[in-house]
Amino acid sequence: MDFEITIEDLDRKIAARPGVTLLAALLSGGIPFAYSCESGNCGACKCKLVRGEVDGLVYSEQALSAQESSKGVILACRSRLRSDVTIRRLAW
């Protein structure tokens, strides 16, 4: 069963296969999205998780602080979907 990703600031929705990162799903769905290292070290792919659940993979605290994380900010490259999600891009 695919998950649905809603990109709030673009008013778009795409399907994503289970097990892929949010970033991989966005890029394969043709969504313009800022990224660089794809390993959780740079923070370029930060976005706001508005609704839904993700599994967070290991990342550098230099890329995403505990304070940001507590406000729902995630790294798209280090987040695997656990449900349908709604996100808001922070940069692009």
PDB file of N, CA and C in Angstrom:
ATOM      1  N   MET A   1       0.833  -1.179   0.000  1.00  0.00           N
ATOM      2  CA  MET A   1       0.000   0.000   0.000  1.00  0.00           C
ATOM      3  C   MET A   1       0.885   1.252   0.000  1.00  0.00           C
ATOM      4  N   ASP A   2       0.660   2.137  -0.931  1.00  0.00           N
ATOM      5  CA  ASP A   2       1.404   3.387  -0.999  1.00  0.00           C
ATOM      6  C   ASP A   2       0.872   4.382   0.026  1.00  0.00           C
ATOM      7  N   PHE A   3       1.753   5.279   0.433  1.00  0.00           N
ATOM      8  CA  PHE A   3       1.359   6.396   1.285  1.00  0.00           C
ATOM      9  C   PHE A   3       1.159   7.621   0.406  1.00  0.00           C
ATOM     10  N   GLU A   4       0.405   8.577   0.917  1.00  0.00           N
ATOM     11  CA  GLU A   4       0.183   9.829   0.200  1.00  0.00           C
ATOM     12  C   GLU A   4       0.914  10.954   0.913  1.00  0.00           C
ATOM     13  N   ILE A   5       1.675  11.711   0.133  1.00  0.00           N
ATOM     14  CA  ILE A   5       2.367  12.889   0.655  1.00  0.00           C
ATOM     15  C   ILE A   5       1.659  14.117   0.106  1.00  0.00           C
ATOM     16  N   THR A   6       1.233  14.987   1.004  1.00  0.00           N
ATOM     17  CA  THR A   6       0.649  16.262   0.608  1.00  0.00           C
ATOM     18  C   THR A   6       1.684  17.342   0.888  1.00  0.00           C
ATOM     19  N   ILE A   7       1.982  18.143  -0.130  1.00  0.00           N
ATOM     20  CA  ILE A   7       2.925  19.246   0.028  1.00  0.00           C
ATOM     21  C   ILE A   7       2.083  20.506   0.142  1.00  0.00           C
ATOM     22  N   GLU A   8       1.946  20.975   1.374  1.00  0.00           N
ATOM     23  CA  GLU A   8       1.009  22.038   1.706  1.00  0.00           C
ATOM     24  C   GLU A   8       1.245  23.315   0.921  1.00  0.00           C
ATOM     25  N   ASP A   9       2.481  23.770   0.836  1.00  0.00           N
ATOM     26  CA  ASP A   9       2.748  25.048   0.183  1.00  0.00           C
ATOM     27  C   ASP A   9       2.628  24.976  -1.338  1.00  0.00           C
ATOM     28  N   LEU A  10       2.555  23.779  -1.899  1.00  0.00           N
ATOM     29  CA  LEU A  10       2.373  23.622  -3.345  1.00  0.00           C
ATOM     30  C   LEU A  10       0.962  23.163  -3.698  1.00  0.00           C
ATOM     31  N   ASP A  11       0.199  22.782  -2.680  1.00  0.00           N
ATOM     32  CA  ASP A  11      -1.142  22.228  -2.897  1.00  0.00           C
ATOM     33  C   ASP A  11      -1.082  21.057  -3.881  1.00  0.00           C
ATOM     34  N   ARG A  12      -0.107  20.142  -3.623  1.00  0.00           N
ATOM     35  CA  ARG A  12       0.074  18.950  -4.464  1.00  0.00           C
ATOM     36  C   ARG A  12       0.128  17.710  -3.608  1.00  0.00           C
ATOM     37  N   LYS A  13      -0.204  16.595  -4.228  1.00  0.00           N
ATOM     38  CA  LYS A  13      -0.132  15.301  -3.562  1.00  0.00           C
ATOM     39  C   LYS A  13       0.585  14.323  -4.477  1.00  0.00           C
ATOM     40  N   ILE A  14       1.386  13.436  -3.848  1.00  0.00           N
ATOM     41  CA  ILE A  14       2.059  12.380  -4.605  1.00  0.00           C
ATOM     42  C   ILE A  14       1.990  11.087  -3.797  1.00  0.00           C
ATOM     43  N   ALA A  15       2.161   9.987  -4.472  1.00  0.00           N
ATOM     44  CA  ALA A  15       2.200   8.678  -3.815  1.00  0.00           C
ATOM     45  C   ALA A  15       3.651   8.313  -3.522  1.00  0.00           C
ATOM     46  N   ALA A  16       3.844   7.555  -2.437  1.00  0.00           N
ATOM     47  CA  ALA A  16       5.188   7.118  -2.056  1.00  0.00           C
ATOM     48  C   ALA A  16       5.154   5.669  -1.621  1.00  0.00           C
ATOM     49  N   ARG A  17       6.133   4.900  -2.083  1.00  0.00           N
ATOM     50  CA  ARG A  17       6.243   3.495  -1.678  1.00  0.00           C
ATOM     51  C   ARG A  17       6.736   3.403  -0.243  1.00  0.00           C
ATOM     52  N   PRO A  18       6.259   2.439   0.500  1.00  0.00           N
ATOM     53  CA  PRO A  18       6.788   2.218   1.850  1.00  0.00           C
ATOM     54  C   PRO A  18       8.284   1.913   1.789  1.00  0.00           C
ATOM     55  N   GLY A  19       9.017   2.361   2.791  1.00  0.00           N
ATOM     56  CA  GLY A  19      10.442   2.062   2.883  1.00  0.00           C
ATOM     57  C   GLY A  19      11.366   3.080   2.255  1.00  0.00           C
ATOM     58  N   VAL A  20      10.831   4.015   1.475  1.00  0.00           N
ATOM     59  CA  VAL A  20      11.691   5.042   0.882  1.00  0.00           C
ATOM     60  C   VAL A  20      11.687   6.271   1.779  1.00  0.00           C
ATOM     61  N   THR A  21      12.735   7.069   1.652  1.00  0.00           N
ATOM     62  CA  THR A  21      12.762   8.308   2.427  1.00  0.00           C
ATOM     63  C   THR A  21      11.805   9.321   1.812  1.00  0.00           C
ATOM     64  N   LEU A  22      11.419  10.256   2.620  1.00  0.00           N
ATOM     65  CA  LEU A  22      10.561  11.338   2.152  1.00  0.00           C
ATOM     66  C   LEU A  22      11.224  12.071   0.991  1.00  0.00           C
ATOM     67  N   LEU A  23      12.515  12.343   1.111  1.00  0.00           N
ATOM     68  CA  LEU A  23      13.228  13.045   0.036  1.00  0.00           C
ATOM     69  C   LEU A  23      13.189  12.255  -1.262  1.00  0.00           C
ATOM     70  N   ALA A  24      13.469  10.963  -1.198  1.00  0.00           N
ATOM     71  CA  ALA A  24      13.452  10.135  -2.408  1.00  0.00           C
ATOM     72  C   ALA A  24      12.071  10.149  -3.054  1.00  0.00           C
ATOM     73  N   ALA A  25      11.034  10.075  -2.254  1.00  0.00           N
ATOM     74  CA  ALA A  25       9.670  10.091  -2.783  1.00  0.00           C
ATOM     75  C   ALA A  25       9.351  11.433  -3.437  1.00  0.00           C
ATOM     76  N   LEU A  26       9.752  12.521  -2.792  1.00  0.00           N
ATOM     77  CA  LEU A  26       9.489  13.849  -3.349  1.00  0.00           C
ATOM     78  C   LEU A  26      10.200  14.042  -4.684  1.00  0.00           C
ATOM     79  N   LEU A  27      11.461  13.675  -4.728  1.00  0.00           N
ATOM     80  CA  LEU A  27      12.231  13.849  -5.967  1.00  0.00           C
ATOM     81  C   LEU A  27      11.700  12.962  -7.085  1.00  0.00           C
ATOM     82  N   SER A  28      11.356  11.714  -6.772  1.00  0.00           N
ATOM     83  CA  SER A  28      10.826  10.836  -7.820  1.00  0.00           C
ATOM     84  C   SER A  28       9.439  11.280  -8.267  1.00  0.00           C
ATOM     85  N   GLY A  29       8.739  12.019  -7.406  1.00  0.00           N
ATOM     86  CA  GLY A  29       7.430  12.560  -7.768  1.00  0.00           C
ATOM     87  C   GLY A  29       7.507  13.890  -8.494  1.00  0.00           C
ATOM     88  N   GLY A  30       8.728  14.359  -8.775  1.00  0.00           N
ATOM     89  CA  GLY A  30       8.893  15.604  -9.526  1.00  0.00           C
ATOM     90  C   GLY A  30       8.690  16.867  -8.704  1.00  0.00           C
ATOM     91  N   ILE A  31       8.788  16.757  -7.390  1.00  0.00           N
ATOM     92  CA  ILE A  31       8.595  17.918  -6.525  1.00  0.00           C
ATOM     93  C   ILE A  31       9.930  18.639  -6.346  1.00  0.00           C
ATOM     94  N   PRO A  32       9.998  19.946  -6.654  1.00  0.00           N
ATOM     95  CA  PRO A  32      11.226  20.686  -6.418  1.00  0.00           C
ATOM     96  C   PRO A  32      11.488  20.760  -4.914  1.00  0.00           C
ATOM     97  N   PHE A  33      12.662  20.318  -4.487  1.00  0.00           N
ATOM     98  CA  PHE A  33      12.956  20.254  -3.060  1.00  0.00           C
ATOM     99  C   PHE A  33      14.445  20.459  -2.836  1.00  0.00           C
ATOM    100  N   ALA A  34      14.790  21.327  -1.900  1.00  0.00           N
ATOM    101  CA  ALA A  34      16.197  21.611  -1.585  1.00  0.00           C
ATOM    102  C   ALA A  34      16.824  20.419  -0.871  1.00  0.00           C
ATOM    103  N   TYR A  35      18.027  20.058  -1.287  1.00  0.00           N
ATOM    104  CA  TYR A  35      18.784  19.010  -0.606  1.00  0.00           C
ATOM    105  C   TYR A  35      20.235  19.115  -1.051  1.00  0.00           C
ATOM    106  N   SER A  36      21.120  18.421  -0.296  1.00  0.00           N
ATOM    107  CA  SER A  36      22.525  18.420  -0.671  1.00  0.00           C
ATOM    108  C   SER A  36      23.162  17.072  -0.358  1.00  0.00           C
ATOM    109  N   CYS A  37      23.405  16.790   0.916  1.00  0.00           N
ATOM    110  CA  CYS A  37      24.231  15.628   1.268  1.00  0.00           C
ATOM    111  C   CYS A  37      23.483  14.293   1.253  1.00  0.00           C
ATOM    112  N   GLU A  38      22.198  14.291   1.472  1.00  0.00           N
ATOM    113  CA  GLU A  38      21.359  13.092   1.543  1.00  0.00           C
ATOM    114  C   GLU A  38      21.761  12.138   2.663  1.00  0.00           C
ATOM    115  N   SER A  39      22.535  12.623   3.643  1.00  0.00           N
ATOM    116  CA  SER A  39      22.964  11.753   4.737  1.00  0.00           C
ATOM    117  C   SER A  39      22.716  12.354   6.119  1.00  0.00           C
ATOM    118  N   GLY A  40      21.956  13.441   6.187  1.00  0.00           N
ATOM    119  CA  GLY A  40      21.614  14.025   7.473  1.00  0.00           C
ATOM    120  C   GLY A  40      22.689  14.873   8.098  1.00  0.00           C
ATOM    121  N   ASN A  41      23.569  15.421   7.285  1.00  0.00           N
ATOM    122  CA  ASN A  41      24.655  16.239   7.822  1.00  0.00           C
ATOM    123  C   ASN A  41      24.541  17.730   7.508  1.00  0.00           C
ATOM    124  N   CYS A  42      23.769  18.104   6.489  1.00  0.00           N
ATOM    125  CA  CYS A  42      23.788  19.507   6.068  1.00  0.00           C
ATOM    126  C   CYS A  42      22.555  20.312   6.476  1.00  0.00           C
ATOM    127  N   GLY A  43      21.406  19.689   6.574  1.00  0.00           N
ATOM    128  CA  GLY A  43      20.188  20.395   6.947  1.00  0.00           C
ATOM    129  C   GLY A  43      19.464  21.084   5.809  1.00  0.00           C
ATOM    130  N   ALA A  44      19.936  20.920   4.585  1.00  0.00           N
ATOM    131  CA  ALA A  44      19.305  21.606   3.446  1.00  0.00           C
ATOM    132  C   ALA A  44      17.872  21.138   3.192  1.00  0.00           C
ATOM    133  N   CYS A  45      17.546  19.911   3.580  1.00  0.00           N
ATOM    134  CA  CYS A  45      16.225  19.339   3.265  1.00  0.00           C
ATOM    135  C   CYS A  45      15.232  19.435   4.428  1.00  0.00           C
ATOM    136  N   LYS A  46      15.438  20.395   5.322  1.00  0.00           N
ATOM    137  CA  LYS A  46      14.504  20.569   6.438  1.00  0.00           C
ATOM    138  C   LYS A  46      13.121  20.902   5.915  1.00  0.00           C
ATOM    139  N   CYS A  47      12.128  20.330   6.556  1.00  0.00           N
ATOM    140  CA  CYS A  47      10.743  20.663   6.253  1.00  0.00           C
ATOM    141  C   CYS A  47       9.927  20.485   7.519  1.00  0.00           C
ATOM    142  N   LYS A  48       8.737  21.013   7.502  1.00  0.00           N
ATOM    143  CA  LYS A  48       7.835  20.921   8.653  1.00  0.00           C
ATOM    144  C   LYS A  48       6.882  19.756   8.429  1.00  0.00           C
ATOM    145  N   LEU A  49       6.832  18.844   9.387  1.00  0.00           N
ATOM    146  CA  LEU A  49       5.858  17.755   9.355  1.00  0.00           C
ATOM    147  C   LEU A  49       4.581  18.289   9.976  1.00  0.00           C
ATOM    148  N   VAL A  50       3.583  18.536   9.144  1.00  0.00           N
ATOM    149  CA  VAL A  50       2.321  19.125   9.592  1.00  0.00           C
ATOM    150  C   VAL A  50       1.392  18.046  10.143  1.00  0.00           C
ATOM    151  N   ARG A  51       1.320  16.916   9.447  1.00  0.00           N
ATOM    152  CA  ARG A  51       0.487  15.783   9.870  1.00  0.00           C
ATOM    153  C   ARG A  51       1.166  14.490   9.482  1.00  0.00           C
ATOM    154  N   GLY A  52       0.884  13.433  10.246  1.00  0.00           N
ATOM    155  CA  GLY A  52       1.380  12.113   9.911  1.00  0.00           C
ATOM    156  C   GLY A  52       2.573  11.711  10.753  1.00  0.00           C
ATOM    157  N   GLU A  53       3.119  10.534  10.428  1.00  0.00           N
ATOM    158  CA  GLU A  53       4.226   9.978  11.198  1.00  0.00           C
ATOM    159  C   GLU A  53       5.342   9.500  10.278  1.00  0.00           C
ATOM    160  N   VAL A  54       6.567   9.719  10.739  1.00  0.00           N
ATOM    161  CA  VAL A  54       7.755   9.240  10.029  1.00  0.00           C
ATOM    162  C   VAL A  54       8.681   8.561  11.024  1.00  0.00           C
ATOM    163  N   ASP A  55       9.500   7.658  10.519  1.00  0.00           N
ATOM    164  CA  ASP A  55      10.603   7.100  11.293  1.00  0.00           C
ATOM    165  C   ASP A  55      11.832   7.927  10.981  1.00  0.00           C
ATOM    166  N   GLY A  56      12.437   8.495  12.000  1.00  0.00           N
ATOM    167  CA  GLY A  56      13.637   9.295  11.797  1.00  0.00           C
ATOM    168  C   GLY A  56      14.878   8.425  11.828  1.00  0.00           C
ATOM    169  N   LEU A  57      15.710   8.560  10.817  1.00  0.00           N
ATOM    170  CA  LEU A  57      16.982   7.855  10.759  1.00  0.00           C
ATOM    171  C   LEU A  57      18.051   8.728  11.425  1.00  0.00           C
ATOM    172  N   VAL A  58      19.209   8.187  11.654  1.00  0.00           N
ATOM    173  CA  VAL A  58      20.294   8.906  12.325  1.00  0.00           C
ATOM    174  C   VAL A  58      20.707  10.127  11.498  1.00  0.00           C
ATOM    175  N   TYR A  59      20.923  11.240  12.196  1.00  0.00           N
ATOM    176  CA  TYR A  59      21.370  12.474  11.550  1.00  0.00           C
ATOM    177  C   TYR A  59      22.250  13.256  12.517  1.00  0.00           C
ATOM    178  N   SER A  60      22.949  14.244  11.988  1.00  0.00           N
ATOM    179  CA  SER A  60      23.810  15.101  12.788  1.00  0.00           C
ATOM    180  C   SER A  60      22.986  16.187  13.466  1.00  0.00           C
ATOM    181  N   GLU A  61      23.271  16.455  14.740  1.00  0.00           N
ATOM    182  CA  GLU A  61      22.563  17.517  15.436  1.00  0.00           C
ATOM    183  C   GLU A  61      22.932  18.893  14.883  1.00  0.00           C
ATOM    184  N   GLN A  62      24.012  18.964  14.112  1.00  0.00           N
ATOM    185  CA  GLN A  62      24.346  20.215  13.429  1.00  0.00           C
ATOM    186  C   GLN A  62      23.355  20.486  12.300  1.00  0.00           C
ATOM    187  N   ALA A  63      22.773  19.432  11.752  1.00  0.00           N
ATOM    188  CA  ALA A  63      21.812  19.580  10.658  1.00  0.00           C
ATOM    189  C   ALA A  63      20.415  19.900  11.174  1.00  0.00           C
ATOM    190  N   LEU A  64      20.069  19.364  12.346  1.00  0.00           N
ATOM    191  CA  LEU A  64      18.731  19.553  12.912  1.00  0.00           C
ATOM    192  C   LEU A  64      18.857  19.548  14.426  1.00  0.00           C
ATOM    193  N   SER A  65      18.565  20.684  15.044  1.00  0.00           N
ATOM    194  CA  SER A  65      18.705  20.796  16.498  1.00  0.00           C
ATOM    195  C   SER A  65      17.520  20.144  17.206  1.00  0.00           C
ATOM    196  N   ALA A  66      17.702  19.848  18.462  1.00  0.00           N
ATOM    197  CA  ALA A  66      16.621  19.288  19.282  1.00  0.00           C
ATOM    198  C   ALA A  66      15.454  20.264  19.360  1.00  0.00           C
ATOM    199  N   GLN A  67      15.744  21.552  19.405  1.00  0.00           N
ATOM    200  CA  GLN A  67      14.693  22.571  19.458  1.00  0.00           C
ATOM    201  C   GLN A  67      13.854  22.553  18.172  1.00  0.00           C
ATOM    202  N   GLU A  68      14.516  22.466  17.026  1.00  0.00           N
ATOM    203  CA  GLU A  68      13.789  22.394  15.751  1.00  0.00           C
ATOM    204  C   GLU A  68      12.936  21.134  15.701  1.00  0.00           C
ATOM    205  N   SER A  69      13.520  20.030  16.090  1.00  0.00           N
ATOM    206  CA  SER A  69      12.810  18.751  16.074  1.00  0.00           C
ATOM    207  C   SER A  69      11.568  18.805  16.962  1.00  0.00           C
ATOM    208  N   SER A  70      11.677  19.457  18.109  1.00  0.00           N
ATOM    209  CA  SER A  70      10.528  19.558  19.016  1.00  0.00           C
ATOM    210  C   SER A  70       9.392  20.387  18.418  1.00  0.00           C
ATOM    211  N   LYS A  71       9.702  21.186  17.404  1.00  0.00           N
ATOM    212  CA  LYS A  71       8.685  22.005  16.726  1.00  0.00           C
ATOM    213  C   LYS A  71       8.157  21.345  15.461  1.00  0.00           C
ATOM    214  N   GLY A  72       8.527  20.072  15.244  1.00  0.00           N
ATOM    215  CA  GLY A  72       8.007  19.335  14.095  1.00  0.00           C
ATOM    216  C   GLY A  72       8.826  19.443  12.831  1.00  0.00           C
ATOM    217  N   VAL A  73      10.013  20.014  12.920  1.00  0.00           N
ATOM    218  CA  VAL A  73      10.891  20.104  11.755  1.00  0.00           C
ATOM    219  C   VAL A  73      11.611  18.759  11.607  1.00  0.00           C
ATOM    220  N   ILE A  74      11.684  18.273  10.391  1.00  0.00           N
ATOM    221  CA  ILE A  74      12.346  16.992  10.102  1.00  0.00           C
ATOM    222  C   ILE A  74      13.300  17.173   8.932  1.00  0.00           C
ATOM    223  N   LEU A  75      14.179  16.208   8.749  1.00  0.00           N
ATOM    224  CA  LEU A  75      15.039  16.154   7.573  1.00  0.00           C
ATOM    225  C   LEU A  75      14.410  15.165   6.597  1.00  0.00           C
ATOM    226  N   ALA A  76      14.074  15.617   5.419  1.00  0.00           N
ATOM    227  CA  ALA A  76      13.422  14.749   4.429  1.00  0.00           C
ATOM    228  C   ALA A  76      14.303  13.561   4.055  1.00  0.00           C
ATOM    229  N   CYS A  77      15.615  13.753   4.057  1.00  0.00           N
ATOM    230  CA  CYS A  77      16.526  12.670   3.663  1.00  0.00           C
ATOM    231  C   CYS A  77      16.651  11.598   4.738  1.00  0.00           C
ATOM    232  N   ARG A  78      16.251  11.894   5.950  1.00  0.00           N
ATOM    233  CA  ARG A  78      16.401  10.953   7.066  1.00  0.00           C
ATOM    234  C   ARG A  78      15.048  10.568   7.657  1.00  0.00           C
ATOM    235  N   SER A  79      13.987  10.670   6.883  1.00  0.00           N
ATOM    236  CA  SER A  79      12.631  10.371   7.354  1.00  0.00           C
ATOM    237  C   SER A  79      11.964   9.363   6.435  1.00  0.00           C
ATOM    238  N   ARG A  80      11.579   8.228   7.012  1.00  0.00           N
ATOM    239  CA  ARG A  80      10.820   7.216   6.271  1.00  0.00           C
ATOM    240  C   ARG A  80       9.368   7.285   6.713  1.00  0.00           C
ATOM    241  N   LEU A  81       8.475   7.222   5.745  1.00  0.00           N
ATOM    242  CA  LEU A  81       7.045   7.357   6.035  1.00  0.00           C
ATOM    243  C   LEU A  81       6.503   6.178   6.828  1.00  0.00           C
ATOM    244  N   ARG A  82       5.657   6.488   7.806  1.00  0.00           N
ATOM    245  CA  ARG A  82       4.911   5.474   8.555  1.00  0.00           C
ATOM    246  C   ARG A  82       3.417   5.608   8.296  1.00  0.00           C
ATOM    247  N   SER A  83       3.017   6.687   7.626  1.00  0.00           N
ATOM    248  CA  SER A  83       1.613   6.957   7.347  1.00  0.00           C
ATOM    249  C   SER A  83       1.552   7.986   6.218  1.00  0.00           C
ATOM    250  N   ASP A  84       0.337   8.342   5.822  1.00  0.00           N
ATOM    251  CA  ASP A  84       0.172   9.495   4.945  1.00  0.00           C
ATOM    252  C   ASP A  84       0.695  10.708   5.712  1.00  0.00           C
ATOM    253  N   VAL A  85       1.328  11.636   5.012  1.00  0.00           N
ATOM    254  CA  VAL A  85       1.872  12.818   5.678  1.00  0.00           C
ATOM    255  C   VAL A  85       1.519  14.079   4.911  1.00  0.00           C
ATOM    256  N   THR A  86       1.523  15.181   5.643  1.00  0.00           N
ATOM    257  CA  THR A  86       1.446  16.518   5.064  1.00  0.00           C
ATOM    258  C   THR A  86       2.688  17.256   5.528  1.00  0.00           C
ATOM    259  N   ILE A  87       3.384  17.865   4.584  1.00  0.00           N
ATOM    260  CA  ILE A  87       4.593  18.619   4.915  1.00  0.00           C
ATOM    261  C   ILE A  87       4.500  20.029   4.341  1.00  0.00           C
ATOM    262  N   ARG A  88       5.364  20.883   4.859  1.00  0.00           N
ATOM    263  CA  ARG A  88       5.520  22.238   4.316  1.00  0.00           C
ATOM    264  C   ARG A  88       7.020  22.438   4.068  1.00  0.00           C
ATOM    265  N   ARG A  89       7.379  22.802   2.853  1.00  0.00           N
ATOM    266  CA  ARG A  89       8.789  23.070   2.555  1.00  0.00           C
ATOM    267  C   ARG A  89       9.242  24.326   3.292  1.00  0.00           C
ATOM    268  N   LEU A  90      10.456  24.312   3.801  1.00  0.00           N
ATOM    269  CA  LEU A  90      11.013  25.499   4.468  1.00  0.00           C
ATOM    270  C   LEU A  90      11.955  26.262   3.560  1.00  0.00           C
ATOM    271  N   ALA A  91      12.513  25.576   2.582  1.00  0.00           N
ATOM    272  CA  ALA A  91      13.427  26.208   1.616  1.00  0.00           C
ATOM    273  C   ALA A  91      13.328  25.433   0.303  1.00  0.00           C
ATOM    274  N   TRP A  92      13.649  26.106  -0.798  1.00  0.00           N
ATOM    275  CA  TRP A  92      13.704  25.423  -2.102  1.00  0.00           C
ATOM    276  C   TRP A  92      14.407  26.243  -3.140  1.00  0.00           C
TER     277      TRP A  92
END
